[in-house]
C-alpha atoms as a PDB file:
ATOM      1  CA  MET A   1     -21.747  25.540  -5.802  1.00  0.00           C
ATOM      2  CA  GLU A   2     -21.054  21.861  -6.154  1.00  0.00           C
ATOM      3  CA  PRO A   3     -20.096  19.992  -2.967  1.00  0.00           C
ATOM      4  CA  VAL A   4     -16.348  19.602  -2.627  1.00  0.00           C
ATOM      5  CA  ARG A   5     -14.252  17.200  -0.561  1.00  0.00           C
ATOM      6  CA  ILE A   6     -10.759  18.525   0.179  1.00  0.00           C
ATOM      7  CA  ALA A   7      -8.050  16.301   1.653  1.00  0.00           C
ATOM      8  CA  THR A   8      -4.422  16.689   2.646  1.00  0.00           C
ATOM      9  CA  TRP A   9      -1.968  13.846   3.225  1.00  0.00           C
ATOM     10  CA  ASN A  10       1.740  13.634   3.895  1.00  0.00           C
ATOM     11  CA  VAL A  11       2.337  10.332   2.119  1.00  0.00           C
ATOM     12  CA  ASN A  12       6.043  10.070   3.049  1.00  0.00           C
ATOM     13  CA  SER A  13       7.049   8.931  -0.484  1.00  0.00           C
ATOM     14  CA  VAL A  14       4.322   8.668  -3.097  1.00  0.00           C
ATOM     15  CA  LYS A  15       6.208   5.806  -4.769  1.00  0.00           C
ATOM     16  CA  GLN A  16       6.227   3.771  -1.556  1.00  0.00           C
ATOM     17  CA  ARG A  17       2.628   4.663  -0.799  1.00  0.00           C
ATOM     18  CA  LEU A  18       1.176   4.024  -4.273  1.00  0.00           C
ATOM     19  CA  PRO A  19      -0.468   0.692  -3.288  1.00  0.00           C
ATOM     20  CA  ARG A  20      -2.328   2.608  -0.586  1.00  0.00           C
ATOM     21  CA  LEU A  21      -2.882   5.975  -2.296  1.00  0.00           C
ATOM     22  CA  LEU A  22      -4.827   4.732  -5.310  1.00  0.00           C
ATOM     23  CA  PRO A  23      -7.325   2.580  -3.348  1.00  0.00           C
ATOM     24  CA  TRP A  24      -7.738   5.460  -0.899  1.00  0.00           C
ATOM     25  CA  LEU A  25      -8.609   7.830  -3.755  1.00  0.00           C
ATOM     26  CA  ASP A  26     -11.212   5.320  -4.950  1.00  0.00           C
ATOM     27  CA  GLU A  27     -12.661   4.856  -1.459  1.00  0.00           C
ATOM     28  CA  ARG A  28     -12.771   8.459  -0.228  1.00  0.00           C
ATOM     29  CA  ARG A  29     -13.199  10.137  -3.627  1.00  0.00           C
ATOM     30  CA  PRO A  30     -11.734  13.530  -2.708  1.00  0.00           C
ATOM     31  CA  ASP A  31     -12.198  16.316  -5.247  1.00  0.00           C
ATOM     32  CA  VAL A  32      -9.020  18.138  -4.246  1.00  0.00           C
ATOM     33  CA  VAL A  33      -6.008  16.404  -2.705  1.00  0.00           C
ATOM     34  CA  CYS A  34      -2.920  18.128  -1.330  1.00  0.00           C
ATOM     35  CA  LEU A  35       0.055  15.791  -1.016  1.00  0.00           C
ATOM     36  CA  GLN A  36       3.314  16.342   0.838  1.00  0.00           C
ATOM     37  CA  GLU A  37       6.663  14.544   0.945  1.00  0.00           C
ATOM     38  CA  THR A  38       6.120  13.089  -2.507  1.00  0.00           C
ATOM     39  CA  LYS A  39       9.913  12.651  -2.821  1.00  0.00           C
ATOM     40  CA  LEU A  40       9.811  12.641  -6.632  1.00  0.00           C
ATOM     41  CA  ALA A  41      10.988  15.060  -9.295  1.00  0.00           C
ATOM     42  CA  ASP A  42       8.150  16.311 -11.495  1.00  0.00           C
ATOM     43  CA  ASP A  43       8.930  14.099 -14.493  1.00  0.00           C
ATOM     44  CA  ALA A  44       9.154  11.003 -12.286  1.00  0.00           C
ATOM     45  CA  PHE A  45       5.871  11.946 -10.586  1.00  0.00           C
ATOM     46  CA  ALA A  46       4.168  12.234 -13.981  1.00  0.00           C
ATOM     47  CA  GLU A  47       5.634   8.960 -15.221  1.00  0.00           C
ATOM     48  CA  LEU A  48       4.455   7.131 -12.117  1.00  0.00           C
ATOM     49  CA  LEU A  49       1.006   8.644 -11.704  1.00  0.00           C
ATOM     50  CA  HIS A  50      -0.229  10.425 -14.835  1.00  0.00           C
ATOM     51  CA  ASP A  51      -2.287   7.577 -16.274  1.00  0.00           C
ATOM     52  CA  GLU A  52      -3.741   6.474 -12.943  1.00  0.00           C
ATOM     53  CA  LEU A  53      -4.752  10.004 -11.993  1.00  0.00           C
ATOM     54  CA  ALA A  54      -6.087  10.850 -15.436  1.00  0.00           C
ATOM     55  CA  ALA A  55      -8.266   7.742 -15.273  1.00  0.00           C
ATOM     56  CA  ARG A  56      -9.737   9.195 -12.080  1.00  0.00           C
ATOM     57  CA  SER A  57     -10.250  12.617 -13.733  1.00  0.00           C
ATOM     58  CA  TYR A  58      -7.557  14.411 -11.734  1.00  0.00           C
ATOM     59  CA  GLU A  59      -5.499  17.272 -13.083  1.00  0.00           C
ATOM     60  CA  VAL A  60      -2.130  17.606 -11.362  1.00  0.00           C
ATOM     61  CA  ALA A  61       0.129  20.415 -10.211  1.00  0.00           C
ATOM     62  CA  ALA A  62       3.348  18.921  -8.860  1.00  0.00           C
ATOM     63  CA  HIS A  63       6.405  20.637  -7.469  1.00  0.00           C
ATOM     64  CA  GLY A  64       8.993  18.082  -6.466  1.00  0.00           C
ATOM     65  CA  GLU A  65      12.605  17.094  -6.156  1.00  0.00           C
ATOM     66  CA  ALA A  66      14.265  13.704  -6.192  1.00  0.00           C
ATOM     67  CA  ALA A  67      14.346  11.884  -2.838  1.00  0.00           C
ATOM     68  CA  TRP A  68      13.307  14.841  -0.650  1.00  0.00           C
ATOM     69  CA  ASN A  69      10.360  17.125   0.059  1.00  0.00           C
ATOM     70  CA  GLY A  70       7.866  17.520  -2.798  1.00  0.00           C
ATOM     71  CA  VAL A  71       4.250  18.720  -2.869  1.00  0.00           C
ATOM     72  CA  ALA A  72       1.333  18.326  -5.244  1.00  0.00           C
ATOM     73  CA  ILE A  73      -2.303  19.245  -5.797  1.00  0.00           C
ATOM     74  CA  LEU A  74      -4.707  16.838  -7.487  1.00  0.00           C
ATOM     75  CA  SER A  75      -8.024  18.322  -8.591  1.00  0.00           C
ATOM     76  CA  ARG A  76     -11.208  17.185 -10.291  1.00  0.00           C
ATOM     77  CA  VAL A  77     -12.808  20.645 -10.029  1.00  0.00           C
ATOM     78  CA  GLY A  78     -10.357  22.677 -12.084  1.00  0.00           C
ATOM     79  CA  LEU A  79      -6.688  23.612 -11.720  1.00  0.00           C
ATOM     80  CA  ASP A  80      -5.772  27.170 -12.677  1.00  0.00           C
ATOM     81  CA  ASP A  81      -3.083  29.760 -11.967  1.00  0.00           C
ATOM     82  CA  VAL A  82      -0.541  27.269 -10.639  1.00  0.00           C
ATOM     83  CA  VAL A  83       2.361  28.748  -8.673  1.00  0.00           C
ATOM     84  CA  ALA A  84       5.274  26.562  -7.581  1.00  0.00           C
ATOM     85  CA  GLY A  85       7.078  27.495  -4.390  1.00  0.00           C
ATOM     86  CA  LEU A  86       6.911  30.673  -2.340  1.00  0.00           C
ATOM     87  CA  PRO A  87       7.885  33.556  -4.633  1.00  0.00           C
ATOM     88  CA  GLY A  88      10.716  35.395  -2.930  1.00  0.00           C
ATOM     89  CA  GLY A  89      10.754  32.872  -0.099  1.00  0.00           C
ATOM     90  CA  PRO A  90      13.854  31.612   1.708  1.00  0.00           C
ATOM     91  CA  GLY A  91      15.903  28.558   0.803  1.00  0.00           C
ATOM     92  CA  PHE A  92      18.319  26.353   2.690  1.00  0.00           C
ATOM     93  CA  PRO A  93      20.363  27.609   0.973  1.00  0.00           C
ATOM     94  CA  HIS A  94      18.371  27.148  -2.235  1.00  0.00           C
ATOM     95  CA  PRO A  95      14.556  27.122  -2.520  1.00  0.00           C
ATOM     96  CA  GLU A  96      13.077  23.711  -1.742  1.00  0.00           C
ATOM     97  CA  ALA A  97       9.954  22.037  -3.147  1.00  0.00           C
ATOM     98  CA  ARG A  98       7.714  22.783  -0.177  1.00  0.00           C
ATOM     99  CA  ALA A  99       4.728  24.688  -1.577  1.00  0.00           C
ATOM    100  CA  VAL A 100       2.450  24.702  -4.587  1.00  0.00           C
ATOM    101  CA  SER A 101      -0.775  26.632  -5.053  1.00  0.00           C
ATOM    102  CA  ALA A 102      -3.610  26.641  -7.565  1.00  0.00           C
ATOM    103  CA  THR A 103      -7.239  27.694  -7.922  1.00  0.00           C
ATOM    104  CA  CYS A 104      -9.605  24.723  -7.728  1.00  0.00           C
ATOM    105  CA  GLY A 105     -13.357  25.218  -7.980  1.00  0.00           C
ATOM    106  CA  GLY A 106     -13.089  28.879  -7.037  1.00  0.00           C
ATOM    107  CA  ILE A 107     -10.880  28.209  -3.993  1.00  0.00           C
ATOM    108  CA  ARG A 108      -7.201  29.123  -3.799  1.00  0.00           C
ATOM    109  CA  VAL A 109      -5.560  25.937  -2.555  1.00  0.00           C
ATOM    110  CA  VAL A 110      -2.055  25.975  -1.066  1.00  0.00           C
ATOM    111  CA  SER A 111      -0.331  22.643  -0.380  1.00  0.00           C
ATOM    112  CA  VAL A 112       2.557  23.083   2.052  1.00  0.00           C
ATOM    113  CA  TYR A 113       5.279  21.010   3.653  1.00  0.00           C
ATOM    114  CA  VAL A 114       6.710  23.306   6.306  1.00  0.00           C
ATOM    115  CA  PRO A 115      10.385  22.749   7.216  1.00  0.00           C
ATOM    116  CA  ASN A 116      10.881  20.542  10.263  1.00  0.00           C
ATOM    117  CA  GLY A 117      13.202  22.896  12.131  1.00  0.00           C
ATOM    118  CA  ARG A 118      15.213  20.033  13.655  1.00  0.00           C
ATOM    119  CA  ALA A 119      16.342  21.737  16.881  1.00  0.00           C
ATOM    120  CA  PRO A 120      15.263  25.002  18.509  1.00  0.00           C
ATOM    121  CA  GLY A 121      17.771  27.764  17.808  1.00  0.00           C
ATOM    122  CA  SER A 122      19.448  25.946  14.908  1.00  0.00           C
ATOM    123  CA  GLU A 123      19.856  27.300  11.378  1.00  0.00           C
ATOM    124  CA  HIS A 124      17.119  24.877  10.321  1.00  0.00           C
ATOM    125  CA  TYR A 125      14.837  26.365  12.988  1.00  0.00           C
ATOM    126  CA  GLU A 126      15.475  29.946  11.841  1.00  0.00           C
ATOM    127  CA  TYR A 127      14.806  28.821   8.265  1.00  0.00           C
ATOM    128  CA  LYS A 128      11.476  27.342   9.391  1.00  0.00           C
ATOM    129  CA  LEU A 129      10.390  30.636  10.945  1.00  0.00           C
ATOM    130  CA  ALA A 130      11.481  32.615   7.876  1.00  0.00           C
ATOM    131  CA  TRP A 131       9.640  30.161   5.622  1.00  0.00           C
ATOM    132  CA  LEU A 132       6.444  30.549   7.659  1.00  0.00           C
ATOM    133  CA  ALA A 133       6.708  34.331   7.419  1.00  0.00           C
ATOM    134  CA  SER A 134       6.988  34.024   3.648  1.00  0.00           C
ATOM    135  CA  LEU A 135       3.964  31.719   3.572  1.00  0.00           C
ATOM    136  CA  ARG A 136       1.996  34.319   5.522  1.00  0.00           C
ATOM    137  CA  ASP A 137       2.961  36.963   2.961  1.00  0.00           C
ATOM    138  CA  LEU A 138       1.774  34.717   0.122  1.00  0.00           C
ATOM    139  CA  VAL A 139      -1.604  34.074   1.750  1.00  0.00           C
ATOM    140  CA  ALA A 140      -2.023  37.733   2.769  1.00  0.00           C
ATOM    141  CA  GLY A 141      -1.726  38.750  -0.876  1.00  0.00           C
ATOM    142  CA  GLY A 142      -4.372  36.293  -2.057  1.00  0.00           C
ATOM    143  CA  PRO A 143      -8.149  35.907  -1.882  1.00  0.00           C
ATOM    144  CA  GLN A 144     -10.240  35.137   1.203  1.00  0.00           C
ATOM    145  CA  GLU A 145     -11.486  32.010  -0.555  1.00  0.00           C
ATOM    146  CA  VAL A 146      -8.385  30.065   0.430  1.00  0.00           C
ATOM    147  CA  VAL A 147      -7.354  26.850   2.123  1.00  0.00           C
ATOM    148  CA  VAL A 148      -3.826  26.195   3.334  1.00  0.00           C
ATOM    149  CA  CYS A 149      -3.410  22.428   3.584  1.00  0.00           C
ATOM    150  CA  GLY A 150      -0.530  20.310   4.675  1.00  0.00           C
ATOM    151  CA  ASP A 151       2.086  19.211   7.127  1.00  0.00           C
ATOM    152  CA  MET A 152       2.708  22.319   9.202  1.00  0.00           C
ATOM    153  CA  ASN A 153       5.249  20.568  11.460  1.00  0.00           C
ATOM    154  CA  ILE A 154       3.689  22.540  14.346  1.00  0.00           C
ATOM    155  CA  ALA A 155       1.219  21.333  16.960  1.00  0.00           C
ATOM    156  CA  PRO A 156      -0.944  24.438  17.495  1.00  0.00           C
ATOM    157  CA  THR A 157      -1.467  23.941  21.244  1.00  0.00           C
ATOM    158  CA  ASP A 158      -0.616  21.507  24.035  1.00  0.00           C
ATOM    159  CA  ASP A 159      -3.978  19.827  23.332  1.00  0.00           C
ATOM    160  CA  ASP A 160      -2.500  18.685  20.014  1.00  0.00           C
ATOM    161  CA  VAL A 161       0.173  16.404  21.514  1.00  0.00           C
ATOM    162  CA  PHE A 162      -0.262  13.316  23.670  1.00  0.00           C
ATOM    163  CA  ASP A 163       1.817  14.786  26.497  1.00  0.00           C
ATOM    164  CA  PRO A 164       3.374  18.273  26.470  1.00  0.00           C
ATOM    165  CA  GLU A 165       6.129  17.157  28.836  1.00  0.00           C
ATOM    166  CA  ALA A 166       7.354  14.599  26.306  1.00  0.00           C
ATOM    167  CA  TYR A 167       7.993  17.382  23.783  1.00  0.00           C
ATOM    168  CA  GLU A 168       9.846  19.810  26.024  1.00  0.00           C
ATOM    169  CA  GLY A 169      13.029  20.955  24.291  1.00  0.00           C
ATOM    170  CA  HIS A 170      11.859  19.728  20.882  1.00  0.00           C
ATOM    171  CA  THR A 171      10.623  21.557  17.817  1.00  0.00           C
ATOM    172  CA  HIS A 172       6.936  21.590  16.786  1.00  0.00           C
ATOM    173  CA  VAL A 173       5.772  22.973  20.137  1.00  0.00           C
ATOM    174  CA  THR A 174       7.959  26.016  20.861  1.00  0.00           C
ATOM    175  CA  ALA A 175       6.461  29.458  21.372  1.00  0.00           C
ATOM    176  CA  PRO A 176       8.056  31.072  18.260  1.00  0.00           C
ATOM    177  CA  GLU A 177       6.712  28.299  15.999  1.00  0.00           C
ATOM    178  CA  ARG A 178       3.244  28.537  17.483  1.00  0.00           C
ATOM    179  CA  GLU A 179       3.344  32.329  17.222  1.00  0.00           C
ATOM    180  CA  ALA A 180       4.268  32.057  13.530  1.00  0.00           C
ATOM    181  CA  LEU A 181       1.316  29.720  12.974  1.00  0.00           C
ATOM    182  CA  ALA A 182      -0.977  32.060  14.917  1.00  0.00           C
ATOM    183  CA  GLU A 183       0.140  34.964  12.723  1.00  0.00           C
ATOM    184  CA  LEU A 184      -0.826  32.940   9.660  1.00  0.00           C
ATOM    185  CA  GLN A 185      -4.219  32.158  11.157  1.00  0.00           C
ATOM    186  CA  ALA A 186      -4.657  35.826  12.098  1.00  0.00           C
ATOM    187  CA  LEU A 187      -5.211  36.499   8.393  1.00  0.00           C
ATOM    188  CA  GLY A 188      -8.656  34.991   8.970  1.00  0.00           C
ATOM    189  CA  LEU A 189      -7.890  31.295   8.609  1.00  0.00           C
ATOM    190  CA  HIS A 190      -9.906  28.763  10.623  1.00  0.00           C
ATOM    191  CA  ASP A 191      -8.453  25.475  11.892  1.00  0.00           C
ATOM    192  CA  VAL A 192     -11.548  23.602  10.770  1.00  0.00           C
ATOM    193  CA  VAL A 193     -10.806  20.248  12.420  1.00  0.00           C
ATOM    194  CA  ARG A 194     -10.173  21.794  15.828  1.00  0.00           C
ATOM    195  CA  ASP A 195     -13.158  24.113  15.414  1.00  0.00           C
ATOM    196  CA  ARG A 196     -15.306  21.057  14.772  1.00  0.00           C
ATOM    197  CA  TRP A 197     -13.798  18.881  17.545  1.00  0.00           C
ATOM    198  CA  PRO A 198     -12.879  21.172  20.455  1.00  0.00           C
ATOM    199  CA  GLY A 199     -11.326  19.383  23.389  1.00  0.00           C
ATOM    200  CA  GLU A 200     -11.074  16.054  21.538  1.00  0.00           C
ATOM    201  CA  ARG A 201      -7.996  13.839  21.436  1.00  0.00           C
ATOM    202  CA  VAL A 202      -7.213  14.367  17.747  1.00  0.00           C
ATOM    203  CA  PHE A 203      -3.893  13.394  16.158  1.00  0.00           C
ATOM    204  CA  SER A 204      -2.666  13.114  12.564  1.00  0.00           C
ATOM    205  CA  TYR A 205       0.920  11.837  13.031  1.00  0.00           C
ATOM    206  CA  TRP A 206       2.407   8.964  15.008  1.00  0.00           C
ATOM    207  CA  ASP A 207       6.085   7.993  14.956  1.00  0.00           C
ATOM    208  CA  TYR A 208       6.732   4.600  13.354  1.00  0.00           C
ATOM    209  CA  ARG A 209       8.820   3.555  16.345  1.00  0.00           C
ATOM    210  CA  ALA A 210       7.944   2.191  19.775  1.00  0.00           C
ATOM    211  CA  GLY A 211       4.334   1.304  18.939  1.00  0.00           C
ATOM    212  CA  MET A 212       3.313   4.947  19.095  1.00  0.00           C
ATOM    213  CA  PHE A 213       0.308   4.533  16.797  1.00  0.00           C
ATOM    214  CA  HIS A 214      -1.094   1.520  18.609  1.00  0.00           C
ATOM    215  CA  GLN A 215      -0.850   3.421  21.889  1.00  0.00           C
ATOM    216  CA  ASP A 216      -2.301   6.531  20.230  1.00  0.00           C
ATOM    217  CA  LEU A 217       0.719   8.584  21.266  1.00  0.00           C
ATOM    218  CA  GLY A 218       0.641  11.145  18.500  1.00  0.00           C
ATOM    219  CA  MET A 219       0.443  14.780  17.577  1.00  0.00           C
ATOM    220  CA  ARG A 220      -1.728  16.912  15.297  1.00  0.00           C
ATOM    221  CA  ILE A 221       0.524  18.696  12.841  1.00  0.00           C
ATOM    222  CA  ASP A 222      -1.412  18.193   9.573  1.00  0.00           C
ATOM    223  CA  LEU A 223      -3.906  21.021   9.222  1.00  0.00           C
ATOM    224  CA  ILE A 224      -6.508  22.454   6.892  1.00  0.00           C
ATOM    225  CA  LEU A 225      -6.743  26.195   7.497  1.00  0.00           C
ATOM    226  CA  ALA A 226      -9.677  27.795   5.680  1.00  0.00           C
ATOM    227  CA  GLY A 227     -10.576  31.403   5.006  1.00  0.00           C
ATOM    228  CA  ALA A 228     -13.965  32.480   6.340  1.00  0.00           C
ATOM    229  CA  PRO A 229     -15.915  32.056   3.060  1.00  0.00           C
ATOM    230  CA  VAL A 230     -14.666  28.450   2.851  1.00  0.00           C
ATOM    231  CA  ALA A 231     -14.954  27.694   6.576  1.00  0.00           C
ATOM    232  CA  GLU A 232     -18.616  28.687   6.467  1.00  0.00           C
ATOM    233  CA  ARG A 233     -19.218  25.899   3.947  1.00  0.00           C
ATOM    234  CA  VAL A 234     -17.673  23.135   6.096  1.00  0.00           C
ATOM    235  CA  ARG A 235     -20.107  20.324   6.903  1.00  0.00           C
ATOM    236  CA  ALA A 236     -17.616  17.689   8.094  1.00  0.00           C
ATOM    237  CA  ALA A 237     -13.961  17.865   9.153  1.00  0.00           C
ATOM    238  CA  TRP A 238     -12.139  14.734  10.224  1.00  0.00           C
ATOM    239  CA  ILE A 239      -8.935  12.718  10.221  1.00  0.00           C
ATOM    240  CA  ASP A 240      -8.917   9.420   8.359  1.00  0.00           C
ATOM    241  CA  ARG A 241      -7.248   7.263  10.990  1.00  0.00           C
ATOM    242  CA  GLN A 242      -8.113   4.142   8.968  1.00  0.00           C
ATOM    243  CA  ALA A 243      -5.488   5.136   6.401  1.00  0.00           C
ATOM    244  CA  ARG A 244      -2.756   4.914   9.074  1.00  0.00           C
ATOM    245  CA  LYS A 245      -3.552   1.272   9.843  1.00  0.00           C
ATOM    246  CA  GLY A 246      -2.339  -1.909   8.172  1.00  0.00           C
ATOM    247  CA  LYS A 247       0.708  -2.719   6.079  1.00  0.00           C
ATOM    248  CA  GLY A 248       3.058  -0.052   4.748  1.00  0.00           C
ATOM    249  CA  PRO A 249       1.304   3.128   5.915  1.00  0.00           C
ATOM    250  CA  SER A 250       2.601   6.653   5.974  1.00  0.00           C
ATOM    251  CA  ASP A 251       3.307   7.907   9.466  1.00  0.00           C
ATOM    252  CA  HIS A 252       0.661  10.587   8.801  1.00  0.00           C
ATOM    253  CA  ALA A 253      -3.095  10.165   8.350  1.00  0.00           C
ATOM    254  CA  PRO A 254      -5.110  12.177   5.818  1.00  0.00           C
ATOM    255  CA  VAL A 255      -7.204  15.134   6.936  1.00  0.00           C
ATOM    256  CA  ILE A 256     -10.536  15.470   5.123  1.00  0.00           C
ATOM    257  CA  VAL A 257     -12.972  18.372   4.935  1.00  0.00           C
ATOM    258  CA  ASP A 258     -16.368  18.287   3.218  1.00  0.00           C
ATOM    259  CA  LEU A 259     -17.877  21.513   1.930  1.00  0.00           C
ATOM    260  CA  ASP A 260     -21.625  22.067   1.469  1.00  0.00           C
ATOM    261  CA  GLU A 261     -22.619  18.489   2.212  1.00  0.00           C
ATOM    262  CA  ALA A 262     -21.085  15.488   3.987  1.00  0.00           C
ATOM    263  CA  PRO A 263     -21.416  12.447   1.704  1.00  0.00           C
ATOM    264  CA  ASP A 264     -20.333  10.028   4.434  1.00  0.00           C
ATOM    265  CA  GLY A 265     -22.360  11.716   7.124  1.00  0.00           C
ATOM    266  CA  HIS A 266     -21.021  12.965  10.430  1.00  0.00           C
ATOM    267  CA  ILE A 267     -17.612  11.276  10.560  1.00  0.00           C
ATOM    268  CA  GLY A 268     -15.581  11.758  13.716  1.00  0.00           C
ATOM    269  CA  PRO A 269     -11.936  12.696  14.089  1.00  0.00           C
ATOM    270  CA  VAL A 270      -9.171  10.309  14.982  1.00  0.00           C
ATOM    271  CA  VAL A 271     -10.779   7.770  17.258  1.00  0.00           C
ATOM    272  CA  PRO A 272      -8.408   6.341  19.871  1.00  0.00           C
ATOM    273  CA  PRO A 273      -8.341   2.594  20.527  1.00  0.00           C
ATOM    274  CA  PRO A 274     -11.304   1.326  22.563  1.00  0.00           C
ATOM    275  CA  SER A 275      -9.306   1.680  25.779  1.00  0.00           C
ATOM    276  CA  ARG A 276      -8.996   5.455  25.153  1.00  0.00           C
ATOM    277  CA  PRO A 277      -5.525   5.470  26.741  1.00  0.00           C
ATOM    278  CA  VAL A 278      -4.948   8.330  29.096  1.00  0.00           C
ATOM    279  CA  VAL A 279      -1.250   8.935  29.537  1.00  0.00           C
ATOM    280  CA  ARG A 280      -0.038  10.267  32.858  1.00  0.00           C
ATOM    281  CA  ARG A 281       2.071  13.353  32.200  1.00  0.00           C
ATOM    282  CA  GLY A 282       5.749  12.484  32.012  1.00  0.00           C
ATOM    283  CA  ALA A 283       5.096   8.744  31.776  1.00  0.00           C
ATOM    284  CA  LYS A 284       6.115   8.438  28.107  1.00  0.00           C
ATOM    285  CA  THR A 285       9.062   9.842  26.188  1.00  0.00           C
ATOM    286  CA  LEU A 286       9.578  10.308  22.468  1.00  0.00           C
ATOM    287  CA  PRO A 287      11.427   7.477  20.679  1.00  0.00           C
ATOM    288  CA  GLN A 288      14.278   9.787  19.656  1.00  0.00           C
ATOM    289  CA  THR A 289      14.996  10.675  23.279  1.00  0.00           C
ATOM    290  CA  ARG A 290      15.551   6.992  24.072  1.00  0.00           C
ATOM    291  CA  GLU A 291      18.133   6.374  21.357  1.00  0.00           C
END
C-alpha cells in the first residue's frame, strides 16, 4: 500500500479560514482531510474551493448547510461510496450536516462533527447521546478498515483537559458522554494519538477568550479513531499546534496521522510553551463561567 497521511480539522468556517487552509494543505500535504464546521452549503463550498482543491488533486465529498455545521472529506487517494449524514440518525428536529463518509484508498473514512450538547440534561444533550448511538450503529455495520475523524466534542478522560475541576457541571466531560464514546471505541477503534502519547499533555482545542491558547489551557476533543487494520499501520500521530498560532486561526488544531511511513519523521503532539505551565487544580475557570 502507498503511504497515506490522514488529517482532521475543525476549521470553524472554511470561508474565514481559507487564507490558512490552502497554505496548510501545501505545507502538510495530507492525502485525506476531514473538515468540520465548514459552515457552507454544498454549492457555496464548491464555488469557493473547487478550483483550488482540484489544482491540488483533491476530490471532494461535502455535506453542508449555510452558516452552521458542515463536514467534508478531501481525498487524493480515491473517493468512493459517499454517504451524507447518518442514515436513520436523529435530528434536532431535522437531520443536520454533521457526518459524511467515503472510501479513500481502501479505508472507510467518516468525518464527524458531534453535537455540542450545550448543558447536561438538556434536549441538546439528549440529542448528542442519541446522535452518538447512531454513529456507533453506522460504524458497526461497516468494515474494520475504518477511521472516524473529527470534533467529537468529548474529552475522553480527565487527562484530556487542563483541569478537571474547571469543567465540572459542563458538557464534554460527563460520564454518559464518555460512556457513549467508549461504546464507539469498543467496536475496535483505537485512539491513535493517545496510544502514541500516553500521559502527555495533549490538547487540540483552546477557547479564543482569556488567552487560553497562550497559557495552554485546552482540551483534546478532536480525535482520529482507527480500526485495528488501520491502527497497525500508524507510524506517526500528532497534533499540529503550529496551525493554531498566528493571525485568524481556528480555535481547533489539526490532528495528523501517518500510515506506513512518517514523511516528517517522529513529530510530537501538542507541545506546550517552554514554561510547560502546570495549573494547580481549581486555579483556573473556563471563560464562560466568568461572564
